[in-house]
PDB file of N, CA and C in Angstrom:
ATOM      1  N   MET A   1      92.442 135.550  75.456  1.00  0.00           N
ATOM      2  CA  MET A   1      92.489 134.175  75.019  1.00  0.00           C
ATOM      3  C   MET A   1      93.931 133.650  75.002  1.00  0.00           C
ATOM      4  N   LYS A   2      94.863 134.519  74.570  1.00  0.00           N
ATOM      5  CA  LYS A   2      96.261 134.115  74.534  1.00  0.00           C
ATOM      6  C   LYS A   2      96.779 133.833  75.944  1.00  0.00           C
ATOM      7  N   LYS A   3      96.315 134.612  76.917  1.00  0.00           N
ATOM      8  CA  LYS A   3      96.761 134.423  78.303  1.00  0.00           C
ATOM      9  C   LYS A   3      96.322 133.063  78.839  1.00  0.00           C
ATOM     10  N   ILE A   4      95.093 132.683  78.523  1.00  0.00           N
ATOM     11  CA  ILE A   4      94.578 131.398  78.994  1.00  0.00           C
ATOM     12  C   ILE A   4      95.354 130.253  78.341  1.00  0.00           C
ATOM     13  N   LEU A   5      95.595 130.356  77.051  1.00  0.00           N
ATOM     14  CA  LEU A   5      96.356 129.334  76.347  1.00  0.00           C
ATOM     15  C   LEU A   5      97.776 129.236  76.909  1.00  0.00           C
ATOM     16  N   PHE A   6      98.399 130.380  77.139  1.00  0.00           N
ATOM     17  CA  PHE A   6      99.745 130.397  77.716  1.00  0.00           C
ATOM     18  C   PHE A   6      99.747 129.759  79.101  1.00  0.00           C
ATOM     19  N   LEU A   7      98.748 130.063  79.918  1.00  0.00           N
ATOM     20  CA  LEU A   7      98.641 129.507  81.265  1.00  0.00           C
ATOM     21  C   LEU A   7      98.494 127.979  81.211  1.00  0.00           C
ATOM     22  N   ILE A   8      97.677 127.478  80.317  1.00  0.00           N
ATOM     23  CA  ILE A   8      97.483 126.035  80.173  1.00  0.00           C
ATOM     24  C   ILE A   8      98.784 125.363  79.739  1.00  0.00           C
ATOM     25  N   LEU A   9      99.479 125.942  78.784  1.00  0.00           N
ATOM     26  CA  LEU A   9     100.750 125.382  78.332  1.00  0.00           C
ATOM     27  C   LEU A   9     101.797 125.427  79.447  1.00  0.00           C
ATOM     28  N   PHE A  10     101.814 126.493  80.209  1.00  0.00           N
ATOM     29  CA  PHE A  10     102.777 126.620  81.305  1.00  0.00           C
ATOM     30  C   PHE A  10     102.536 125.549  82.371  1.00  0.00           C
ATOM     31  N   ILE A  11     101.284 125.373  82.766  1.00  0.00           N
ATOM     32  CA  ILE A  11     100.942 124.368  83.789  1.00  0.00           C
ATOM     33  C   ILE A  11     101.243 122.962  83.264  1.00  0.00           C
ATOM     34  N   GLY A  12     100.896 122.684  82.024  1.00  0.00           N
ATOM     35  CA  GLY A  12     101.164 121.371  81.444  1.00  0.00           C
ATOM     36  C   GLY A  12     102.651 121.089  81.340  1.00  0.00           C
ATOM     37  N   GLY A  13     103.426 122.072  80.925  1.00  0.00           N
ATOM     38  CA  GLY A  13     104.878 121.904  80.818  1.00  0.00           C
ATOM     39  C   GLY A  13     105.527 121.702  82.172  1.00  0.00           C
ATOM     40  N   THR A  14     105.064 122.424  83.181  1.00  0.00           N
ATOM     41  CA  THR A  14     105.615 122.289  84.524  1.00  0.00           C
ATOM     42  C   THR A  14     105.329 120.907  85.086  1.00  0.00           C
ATOM     43  N   SER A  15     104.116 120.433  84.936  1.00  0.00           N
ATOM     44  CA  SER A  15     103.780 119.112  85.472  1.00  0.00           C
ATOM     45  C   SER A  15     104.492 118.013  84.685  1.00  0.00           C
ATOM     46  N   TRP A  16     104.686 118.192  83.379  1.00  0.00           N
ATOM     47  CA  TRP A  16     105.401 117.200  82.578  1.00  0.00           C
ATOM     48  C   TRP A  16     106.858 117.103  83.025  1.00  0.00           C
ATOM     49  N   SER A  17     107.487 118.227  83.288  1.00  0.00           N
ATOM     50  CA  SER A  17     108.892 118.180  83.716  1.00  0.00           C
ATOM     51  C   SER A  17     109.021 117.575  85.110  1.00  0.00           C
ATOM     52  N   ALA A  18     108.037 117.782  85.958  1.00  0.00           N
ATOM     53  CA  ALA A  18     108.070 117.181  87.296  1.00  0.00           C
ATOM     54  C   ALA A  18     107.966 115.666  87.195  1.00  0.00           C
ATOM     55  N   LEU A  19     107.145 115.171  86.296  1.00  0.00           N
ATOM     56  CA  LEU A  19     107.020 113.729  86.097  1.00  0.00           C
ATOM     57  C   LEU A  19     108.301 113.141  85.512  1.00  0.00           C
ATOM     58  N   ALA A  20     108.935 113.873  84.639  1.00  0.00           N
ATOM     59  CA  ALA A  20     110.154 113.382  84.012  1.00  0.00           C
ATOM     60  C   ALA A  20     111.304 113.281  85.007  1.00  0.00           C
ATOM     61  N   GLN A  21     111.276 114.049  86.090  1.00  0.00           N
ATOM     62  CA  GLN A  21     112.352 114.050  87.061  1.00  0.00           C
ATOM     63  C   GLN A  21     112.221 112.948  88.104  1.00  0.00           C
ATOM     64  N   GLN A  22     111.066 112.323  88.221  1.00  0.00           N
ATOM     65  CA  GLN A  22     110.904 111.250  89.194  1.00  0.00           C
ATOM     66  C   GLN A  22     111.709 110.033  88.770  1.00  0.00           C
ATOM     67  N   LYS A  23     112.374 109.419  89.734  1.00  0.00           N
ATOM     68  CA  LYS A  23     113.146 108.217  89.448  1.00  0.00           C
ATOM     69  C   LYS A  23     112.211 107.014  89.440  1.00  0.00           C
ATOM     70  N   LYS A  24     112.571 106.024  88.656  1.00  0.00           N
ATOM     71  CA  LYS A  24     111.761 104.815  88.561  1.00  0.00           C
ATOM     72  C   LYS A  24     111.921 103.987  89.834  1.00  0.00           C
ATOM     73  N   PRO A  25     110.876 103.247  90.216  1.00  0.00           N
ATOM     74  CA  PRO A  25     110.979 102.375  91.393  1.00  0.00           C
ATOM     75  C   PRO A  25     112.076 101.320  91.227  1.00  0.00           C
ATOM     76  N   VAL A  26     112.683 100.975  92.343  1.00  0.00           N
ATOM     77  CA  VAL A  26     113.749  99.966  92.373  1.00  0.00           C
ATOM     78  C   VAL A  26     113.228  98.751  93.136  1.00  0.00           C
ATOM     79  N   THR A  27     113.518  97.562  92.625  1.00  0.00           N
ATOM     80  CA  THR A  27     113.120  96.325  93.297  1.00  0.00           C
ATOM     81  C   THR A  27     114.368  95.594  93.758  1.00  0.00           C
ATOM     82  N   VAL A  28     114.383  95.210  95.040  1.00  0.00           N
ATOM     83  CA  VAL A  28     115.507  94.470  95.611  1.00  0.00           C
ATOM     84  C   VAL A  28     114.988  93.219  96.316  1.00  0.00           C
ATOM     85  N   LYS A  29     115.841  92.204  96.354  1.00  0.00           N
ATOM     86  CA  LYS A  29     115.541  90.990  97.118  1.00  0.00           C
ATOM     87  C   LYS A  29     116.478  90.985  98.313  1.00  0.00           C
ATOM     88  N   ILE A  30     115.891  90.819  99.488  1.00  0.00           N
ATOM     89  CA  ILE A  30     116.654  90.853 100.734  1.00  0.00           C
ATOM     90  C   ILE A  30     116.494  89.516 101.436  1.00  0.00           C
ATOM     91  N   ALA A  31     117.605  88.954 101.857  1.00  0.00           N
ATOM     92  CA  ALA A  31     117.566  87.699 102.605  1.00  0.00           C
ATOM     93  C   ALA A  31     116.957  87.964 103.978  1.00  0.00           C
ATOM     94  N   THR A  32     115.941  87.198 104.320  1.00  0.00           N
ATOM     95  CA  THR A  32     115.293  87.297 105.631  1.00  0.00           C
ATOM     96  C   THR A  32     115.263  85.894 106.241  1.00  0.00           C
ATOM     97  N   PRO A  33     116.401  85.458 106.761  1.00  0.00           N
ATOM     98  CA  PRO A  33     116.538  84.064 107.213  1.00  0.00           C
ATOM     99  C   PRO A  33     115.695  83.684 108.423  1.00  0.00           C
ATOM    100  N   THR A  34     115.196  84.658 109.165  1.00  0.00           N
ATOM    101  CA  THR A  34     114.417  84.329 110.360  1.00  0.00           C
ATOM    102  C   THR A  34     112.916  84.285 110.102  1.00  0.00           C
ATOM    103  N   VAL A  35     112.495  84.510 108.861  1.00  0.00           N
ATOM    104  CA  VAL A  35     111.080  84.427 108.506  1.00  0.00           C
ATOM    105  C   VAL A  35     110.715  82.949 108.374  1.00  0.00           C
ATOM    106  N   GLN A  36     109.643  82.533 109.083  1.00  0.00           N
ATOM    107  CA  GLN A  36     109.347  81.110 109.138  1.00  0.00           C
ATOM    108  C   GLN A  36     107.931  80.710 108.762  1.00  0.00           C
ATOM    109  N   CYS A  37     106.991  81.633 108.809  1.00  0.00           N
ATOM    110  CA  CYS A  37     105.601  81.221 108.608  1.00  0.00           C
ATOM    111  C   CYS A  37     104.769  82.338 107.985  1.00  0.00           C
ATOM    112  N   GLU A  38     103.507  82.030 107.752  1.00  0.00           N
ATOM    113  CA  GLU A  38     102.572  82.986 107.175  1.00  0.00           C
ATOM    114  C   GLU A  38     102.398  84.214 108.079  1.00  0.00           C
ATOM    115  N   GLN A  39     102.454  84.004 109.375  1.00  0.00           N
ATOM    116  CA  GLN A  39     102.318  85.114 110.321  1.00  0.00           C
ATOM    117  C   GLN A  39     103.497  86.090 110.186  1.00  0.00           C
ATOM    118  N   CYS A  40     104.689  85.556 109.992  1.00  0.00           N
ATOM    119  CA  CYS A  40     105.874  86.395 109.762  1.00  0.00           C
ATOM    120  C   CYS A  40     105.678  87.227 108.496  1.00  0.00           C
ATOM    121  N   LYS A  41     105.204  86.563 107.450  1.00  0.00           N
ATOM    122  CA  LYS A  41     104.957  87.218 106.163  1.00  0.00           C
ATOM    123  C   LYS A  41     104.014  88.403 106.331  1.00  0.00           C
ATOM    124  N   LYS A  42     102.887  88.175 106.974  1.00  0.00           N
ATOM    125  CA  LYS A  42     101.903  89.240 107.173  1.00  0.00           C
ATOM    126  C   LYS A  42     102.465  90.365 108.028  1.00  0.00           C
ATOM    127  N   ARG A  43     103.213  90.006 109.048  1.00  0.00           N
ATOM    128  CA  ARG A  43     103.772  91.002 109.956  1.00  0.00           C
ATOM    129  C   ARG A  43     104.725  91.953 109.215  1.00  0.00           C
ATOM    130  N   ILE A  44     105.619  91.391 108.407  1.00  0.00           N
ATOM    131  CA  ILE A  44     106.573  92.223 107.665  1.00  0.00           C
ATOM    132  C   ILE A  44     105.858  93.061 106.607  1.00  0.00           C
ATOM    133  N   GLU A  45     104.964  92.435 105.862  1.00  0.00           N
ATOM    134  CA  GLU A  45     104.263  93.168 104.802  1.00  0.00           C
ATOM    135  C   GLU A  45     103.446  94.324 105.367  1.00  0.00           C
ATOM    136  N   ASN A  46     102.755  94.105 106.468  1.00  0.00           N
ATOM    137  CA  ASN A  46     101.972  95.184 107.075  1.00  0.00           C
ATOM    138  C   ASN A  46     102.867  96.282 107.648  1.00  0.00           C
ATOM    139  N   TYR A  47     103.969  95.896 108.266  1.00  0.00           N
ATOM    140  CA  TYR A  47     104.882  96.876 108.849  1.00  0.00           C
ATOM    141  C   TYR A  47     105.522  97.738 107.759  1.00  0.00           C
ATOM    142  N   MET A  48     105.957  97.108 106.697  1.00  0.00           N
ATOM    143  CA  MET A  48     106.673  97.833 105.646  1.00  0.00           C
ATOM    144  C   MET A  48     105.762  98.726 104.803  1.00  0.00           C
ATOM    145  N   LYS A  49     104.478  98.425 104.750  1.00  0.00           N
ATOM    146  CA  LYS A  49     103.543  99.279 104.009  1.00  0.00           C
ATOM    147  C   LYS A  49     103.502 100.688 104.592  1.00  0.00           C
ATOM    148  N   ARG A  50     103.797 100.811 105.870  1.00  0.00           N
ATOM    149  CA  ARG A  50     103.750 102.117 106.538  1.00  0.00           C
ATOM    150  C   ARG A  50     105.025 102.933 106.324  1.00  0.00           C
ATOM    151  N   GLU A  51     106.070 102.300 105.815  1.00  0.00           N
ATOM    152  CA  GLU A  51     107.347 102.988 105.617  1.00  0.00           C
ATOM    153  C   GLU A  51     107.277 103.902 104.392  1.00  0.00           C
ATOM    154  N   ASP A  52     107.892 105.066 104.503  1.00  0.00           N
ATOM    155  CA  ASP A  52     107.889 106.060 103.433  1.00  0.00           C
ATOM    156  C   ASP A  52     108.675 105.552 102.226  1.00  0.00           C
ATOM    157  N   GLY A  53     108.097 105.663 101.043  1.00  0.00           N
ATOM    158  CA  GLY A  53     108.773 105.307  99.811  1.00  0.00           C
ATOM    159  C   GLY A  53     108.609 103.863  99.375  1.00  0.00           C
ATOM    160  N   ILE A  54     108.013 103.020 100.209  1.00  0.00           N
ATOM    161  CA  ILE A  54     107.819 101.612  99.869  1.00  0.00           C
ATOM    162  C   ILE A  54     106.536 101.480  99.052  1.00  0.00           C
ATOM    163  N   THR A  55     106.633 100.855  97.879  1.00  0.00           N
ATOM    164  CA  THR A  55     105.442 100.701  97.044  1.00  0.00           C
ATOM    165  C   THR A  55     104.900  99.273  97.033  1.00  0.00           C
ATOM    166  N   LYS A  56     105.795  98.283  97.269  1.00  0.00           N
ATOM    167  CA  LYS A  56     105.340  96.885  97.245  1.00  0.00           C
ATOM    168  C   LYS A  56     106.275  96.026  98.086  1.00  0.00           C
ATOM    169  N   VAL A  57     105.688  95.090  98.827  1.00  0.00           N
ATOM    170  CA  VAL A  57     106.464  94.147  99.640  1.00  0.00           C
ATOM    171  C   VAL A  57     105.864  92.763  99.471  1.00  0.00           C
ATOM    172  N   VAL A  58     106.715  91.800  99.128  1.00  0.00           N
ATOM    173  CA  VAL A  58     106.281  90.406  99.006  1.00  0.00           C
ATOM    174  C   VAL A  58     107.288  89.546  99.761  1.00  0.00           C
ATOM    175  N   VAL A  59     106.796  88.847 100.776  1.00  0.00           N
ATOM    176  CA  VAL A  59     107.651  87.977 101.579  1.00  0.00           C
ATOM    177  C   VAL A  59     107.423  86.536 101.144  1.00  0.00           C
ATOM    178  N   ASN A  60     108.512  85.834 100.856  1.00  0.00           N
ATOM    179  CA  ASN A  60     108.455  84.415 100.526  1.00  0.00           C
ATOM    180  C   ASN A  60     109.151  83.682 101.675  1.00  0.00           C
ATOM    181  N   TYR A  61     108.364  83.164 102.611  1.00  0.00           N
ATOM    182  CA  TYR A  61     108.963  82.554 103.800  1.00  0.00           C
ATOM    183  C   TYR A  61     109.572  81.183 103.492  1.00  0.00           C
ATOM    184  N   LYS A  62     109.173  80.563 102.414  1.00  0.00           N
ATOM    185  CA  LYS A  62     109.770  79.273 102.051  1.00  0.00           C
ATOM    186  C   LYS A  62     111.190  79.468 101.511  1.00  0.00           C
ATOM    187  N   ARG A  63     111.392  80.544 100.773  1.00  0.00           N
ATOM    188  CA  ARG A  63     112.728  80.863 100.255  1.00  0.00           C
ATOM    189  C   ARG A  63     113.524  81.751 101.209  1.00  0.00           C
ATOM    190  N   LYS A  64     112.841  82.233 102.233  1.00  0.00           N
ATOM    191  CA  LYS A  64     113.452  83.115 103.232  1.00  0.00           C
ATOM    192  C   LYS A  64     114.032  84.371 102.589  1.00  0.00           C
ATOM    193  N   GLU A  65     113.188  85.009 101.740  1.00  0.00           N
ATOM    194  CA  GLU A  65     113.584  86.265 101.122  1.00  0.00           C
ATOM    195  C   GLU A  65     112.388  87.193 101.004  1.00  0.00           C
ATOM    196  N   THR A  66     112.685  88.478 101.005  1.00  0.00           N
ATOM    197  CA  THR A  66     111.659  89.499 100.891  1.00  0.00           C
ATOM    198  C   THR A  66     111.987  90.371  99.692  1.00  0.00           C
ATOM    199  N   THR A  67     111.009  90.545  98.808  1.00  0.00           N
ATOM    200  CA  THR A  67     111.176  91.390  97.633  1.00  0.00           C
ATOM    201  C   THR A  67     110.473  92.714  97.914  1.00  0.00           C
ATOM    202  N   VAL A  68     111.225  93.805  97.811  1.00  0.00           N
ATOM    203  CA  VAL A  68     110.688  95.132  98.128  1.00  0.00           C
ATOM    204  C   VAL A  68     110.900  96.054  96.935  1.00  0.00           C
ATOM    205  N   THR A  69     109.850  96.767  96.559  1.00  0.00           N
ATOM    206  CA  THR A  69     109.933  97.796  95.532  1.00  0.00           C
ATOM    207  C   THR A  69     109.773  99.139  96.233  1.00  0.00           C
ATOM    208  N   TYR A  70     110.711 100.040  95.964  1.00  0.00           N
ATOM    209  CA  TYR A  70     110.702 101.340  96.647  1.00  0.00           C
ATOM    210  C   TYR A  70     111.089 102.455  95.688  1.00  0.00           C
ATOM    211  N   LEU A  71     110.782 103.683  96.086  1.00  0.00           N
ATOM    212  CA  LEU A  71     111.136 104.863  95.309  1.00  0.00           C
ATOM    213  C   LEU A  71     112.493 105.372  95.786  1.00  0.00           C
ATOM    214  N   PRO A  72     113.519 105.358  94.923  1.00  0.00           N
ATOM    215  CA  PRO A  72     114.869 105.705  95.355  1.00  0.00           C
ATOM    216  C   PRO A  72     115.050 107.157  95.767  1.00  0.00           C
ATOM    217  N   ASP A  73     114.139 108.035  95.370  1.00  0.00           N
ATOM    218  CA  ASP A  73     114.252 109.424  95.813  1.00  0.00           C
ATOM    219  C   ASP A  73     113.619 109.652  97.185  1.00  0.00           C
ATOM    220  N   ARG A  74     113.006 108.596  97.765  1.00  0.00           N
ATOM    221  CA  ARG A  74     112.386 108.729  99.082  1.00  0.00           C
ATOM    222  C   ARG A  74     112.983 107.809 100.136  1.00  0.00           C
ATOM    223  N   THR A  75     113.672 106.742  99.710  1.00  0.00           N
ATOM    224  CA  THR A  75     114.314 105.835 100.659  1.00  0.00           C
ATOM    225  C   THR A  75     115.435 105.097  99.941  1.00  0.00           C
ATOM    226  N   ASN A  76     116.103 104.199 100.641  1.00  0.00           N
ATOM    227  CA  ASN A  76     117.181 103.416 100.031  1.00  0.00           C
ATOM    228  C   ASN A  76     117.158 102.004 100.618  1.00  0.00           C
ATOM    229  N   VAL A  77     118.025 101.139 100.098  1.00  0.00           N
ATOM    230  CA  VAL A  77     118.004  99.734 100.499  1.00  0.00           C
ATOM    231  C   VAL A  77     118.376  99.566 101.977  1.00  0.00           C
ATOM    232  N   GLU A  78     119.235 100.406 102.495  1.00  0.00           N
ATOM    233  CA  GLU A  78     119.598 100.301 103.914  1.00  0.00           C
ATOM    234  C   GLU A  78     118.409 100.644 104.813  1.00  0.00           C
ATOM    235  N   ASN A  79     117.619 101.638 104.427  1.00  0.00           N
ATOM    236  CA  ASN A  79     116.411 101.973 105.197  1.00  0.00           C
ATOM    237  C   ASN A  79     115.389 100.842 105.127  1.00  0.00           C
ATOM    238  N   VAL A  80     115.312 100.177 103.983  1.00  0.00           N
ATOM    239  CA  VAL A  80     114.390  99.049 103.829  1.00  0.00           C
ATOM    240  C   VAL A  80     114.808  97.926 104.774  1.00  0.00           C
ATOM    241  N   LYS A  81     116.101  97.603 104.784  1.00  0.00           N
ATOM    242  CA  LYS A  81     116.605  96.549 105.673  1.00  0.00           C
ATOM    243  C   LYS A  81     116.377  96.919 107.138  1.00  0.00           C
ATOM    244  N   THR A  82     116.595  98.180 107.468  1.00  0.00           N
ATOM    245  CA  THR A  82     116.378  98.636 108.844  1.00  0.00           C
ATOM    246  C   THR A  82     114.907  98.516 109.219  1.00  0.00           C
ATOM    247  N   GLY A  83     114.008  98.796 108.282  1.00  0.00           N
ATOM    248  CA  GLY A  83     112.578  98.647 108.536  1.00  0.00           C
ATOM    249  C   GLY A  83     112.204  97.206 108.844  1.00  0.00           C
ATOM    250  N   ILE A  84     112.759  96.275 108.088  1.00  0.00           N
ATOM    251  CA  ILE A  84     112.490  94.857 108.332  1.00  0.00           C
ATOM    252  C   ILE A  84     113.045  94.452 109.695  1.00  0.00           C
ATOM    253  N   ALA A  85     114.241  94.946 110.017  1.00  0.00           N
ATOM    254  CA  ALA A  85     114.847  94.656 111.329  1.00  0.00           C
ATOM    255  C   ALA A  85     114.005  95.244 112.455  1.00  0.00           C
ATOM    256  N   ASN A  86     113.432  96.412 112.231  1.00  0.00           N
ATOM    257  CA  ASN A  86     112.569  97.029 113.248  1.00  0.00           C
ATOM    258  C   ASN A  86     111.269  96.261 113.440  1.00  0.00           C
ATOM    259  N   ALA A  87     110.886  95.474 112.438  1.00  0.00           N
ATOM    260  CA  ALA A  87     109.697  94.618 112.570  1.00  0.00           C
ATOM    261  C   ALA A  87     110.009  93.370 113.391  1.00  0.00           C
ATOM    262  N   GLY A  88     111.323  93.113 113.620  1.00  0.00           N
ATOM    263  CA  GLY A  88     111.711  91.980 114.465  1.00  0.00           C
ATOM    264  C   GLY A  88     112.413  90.848 113.738  1.00  0.00           C
ATOM    265  N   TYR A  89     112.824  91.076 112.492  1.00  0.00           N
ATOM    266  CA  TYR A  89     113.421  90.014 111.679  1.00  0.00           C
ATOM    267  C   TYR A  89     114.787  90.443 111.155  1.00  0.00           C
ATOM    268  N   ASP A  90     115.692  89.468 110.998  1.00  0.00           N
ATOM    269  CA  ASP A  90     116.985  89.753 110.381  1.00  0.00           C
ATOM    270  C   ASP A  90     116.760  90.099 108.912  1.00  0.00           C
ATOM    271  N   ALA A  91     117.540  91.072 108.421  1.00  0.00           N
ATOM    272  CA  ALA A  91     117.427  91.500 107.024  1.00  0.00           C
ATOM    273  C   ALA A  91     118.827  91.659 106.457  1.00  0.00           C
ATOM    274  N   GLY A  92     119.266  90.650 105.713  1.00  0.00           N
ATOM    275  CA  GLY A  92     120.624  90.697 105.188  1.00  0.00           C
ATOM    276  C   GLY A  92     121.596  90.678 106.344  1.00  0.00           C
ATOM    277  N   GLU A  93     122.499  91.633 106.360  1.00  0.00           N
ATOM    278  CA  GLU A  93     123.501  91.703 107.428  1.00  0.00           C
ATOM    279  C   GLU A  93     123.004  92.456 108.667  1.00  0.00           C
ATOM    280  N   ILE A  94     121.823  93.019 108.607  1.00  0.00           N
ATOM    281  CA  ILE A  94     121.271  93.773 109.740  1.00  0.00           C
ATOM    282  C   ILE A  94     120.452  92.826 110.619  1.00  0.00           C
ATOM    283  N   LYS A  95     120.788  92.777 111.882  1.00  0.00           N
ATOM    284  CA  LYS A  95     120.098  91.907 112.842  1.00  0.00           C
ATOM    285  C   LYS A  95     118.790  92.547 113.306  1.00  0.00           C
ATOM    286  N   ALA A  96     117.867  91.715 113.724  1.00  0.00           N
ATOM    287  CA  ALA A  96     116.555  92.162 114.192  1.00  0.00           C
ATOM    288  C   ALA A  96     116.679  93.054 115.420  1.00  0.00           C
ATOM    289  N   ASN A  97     115.776  94.021 115.515  1.00  0.00           N
ATOM    290  CA  ASN A  97     115.681  94.868 116.699  1.00  0.00           C
ATOM    291  C   ASN A  97     115.273  93.974 117.865  1.00  0.00           C
ATOM    292  N   GLU A  98     116.058  93.997 118.947  1.00  0.00           N
ATOM    293  CA  GLU A  98     115.822  93.076 120.074  1.00  0.00           C
ATOM    294  C   GLU A  98     114.450  93.255 120.711  1.00  0.00           C
ATOM    295  N   ASP A  99     114.020  94.501 120.905  1.00  0.00           N
ATOM    296  CA  ASP A  99     112.715  94.738 121.533  1.00  0.00           C
ATOM    297  C   ASP A  99     111.579  94.216 120.661  1.00  0.00           C
ATOM    298  N   SER A 100     111.668  94.452 119.360  1.00  0.00           N
ATOM    299  CA  SER A 100     110.631  93.963 118.442  1.00  0.00           C
ATOM    300  C   SER A 100     110.647  92.444 118.367  1.00  0.00           C
ATOM    301  N   TYR A 101     111.838  91.859 118.381  1.00  0.00           N
ATOM    302  CA  TYR A 101     111.963  90.403 118.321  1.00  0.00           C
ATOM    303  C   TYR A 101     111.307  89.744 119.541  1.00  0.00           C
ATOM    304  N   LYS A 102     111.481  90.339 120.710  1.00  0.00           N
ATOM    305  CA  LYS A 102     110.902  89.784 121.942  1.00  0.00           C
ATOM    306  C   LYS A 102     109.381  89.755 121.884  1.00  0.00           C
ATOM    307  N   GLU A 103     108.778  90.683 121.140  1.00  0.00           N
ATOM    308  CA  GLU A 103     107.320  90.770 121.050  1.00  0.00           C
ATOM    309  C   GLU A 103     106.720  89.814 120.013  1.00  0.00           C
ATOM    310  N   LEU A 104     107.555  89.153 119.222  1.00  0.00           N
ATOM    311  CA  LEU A 104     107.042  88.218 118.214  1.00  0.00           C
ATOM    312  C   LEU A 104     106.416  87.002 118.886  1.00  0.00           C
ATOM    313  N   PRO A 105     105.412  86.391 118.246  1.00  0.00           N
ATOM    314  CA  PRO A 105     104.856  85.143 118.772  1.00  0.00           C
ATOM    315  C   PRO A 105     105.924  84.045 118.745  1.00  0.00           C
ATOM    316  N   THR A 106     105.762  83.033 119.543  1.00  0.00           N
ATOM    317  CA  THR A 106     106.732  81.953 119.650  1.00  0.00           C
ATOM    318  C   THR A 106     107.034  81.306 118.311  1.00  0.00           C
ATOM    319  N   CYS A 107     106.024  81.130 117.496  1.00  0.00           N
ATOM    320  CA  CYS A 107     106.238  80.465 116.191  1.00  0.00           C
ATOM    321  C   CYS A 107     107.113  81.282 115.242  1.00  0.00           C
ATOM    322  N   CYS A 108     107.254  82.570 115.490  1.00  0.00           N
ATOM    323  CA  CYS A 108     108.041  83.443 114.631  1.00  0.00           C
ATOM    324  C   CYS A 108     109.461  83.652 115.128  1.00  0.00           C
ATOM    325  N   LYS A 109     109.793  83.065 116.242  1.00  0.00           N
ATOM    326  CA  LYS A 109     111.145  83.217 116.791  1.00  0.00           C
ATOM    327  C   LYS A 109     112.070  82.141 116.244  1.00  0.00           C
ATOM    328  N   LYS A 110     113.359  82.380 116.343  1.00  0.00           N
ATOM    329  CA  LYS A 110     114.355  81.418 115.881  1.00  0.00           C
ATOM    330  C   LYS A 110     114.204  80.130 116.686  1.00  0.00           C
ATOM    331  N   PRO A 111     114.420  78.980 116.064  1.00  0.00           N
ATOM    332  CA  PRO A 111     114.248  77.696 116.756  1.00  0.00           C
ATOM    333  C   PRO A 111     115.071  77.601 118.046  1.00  0.00           C
ATOM    334  N   GLU A 112     116.266  78.170 118.057  1.00  0.00           N
ATOM    335  CA  GLU A 112     117.097  78.103 119.258  1.00  0.00           C
ATOM    336  C   GLU A 112     116.556  78.950 120.406  1.00  0.00           C
ATOM    337  N   ASP A 113     115.636  79.891 120.120  1.00  0.00           N
ATOM    338  CA  ASP A 113     115.069  80.743 121.169  1.00  0.00           C
ATOM    339  C   ASP A 113     113.720  80.241 121.686  1.00  0.00           C
ATOM    340  N   GLN A 114     113.204  79.177 121.113  1.00  0.00           N
ATOM    341  CA  GLN A 114     111.864  78.719 121.495  1.00  0.00           C
ATOM    342  C   GLN A 114     111.889  77.872 122.731  1.00  0.00           C
TER     343      GLN A 114
END
């Protein structure tokens, strides 16, 4: 009986310490000046959901900003910006990936490129 009790306490203590070591999610707002419409919003949100460590993405195309919540032990803000750029949109100081940008619908491209 003592062995079973010890085993339960050991497993509970181990899992409790693992939970205590996880870092809290971080939320950042990133300027996305090339986001223009609802289609852009959906495209970024769907693309970023597949990225490791991302827990929430909300694109506000009227304010031209994207709010991203991520786990800091699995990714960082530079990876988040790179992910948005890989979807075809400028993210802060990181410019959009040219190949991804070319594949965007006309309505999602910069006005000077239309």
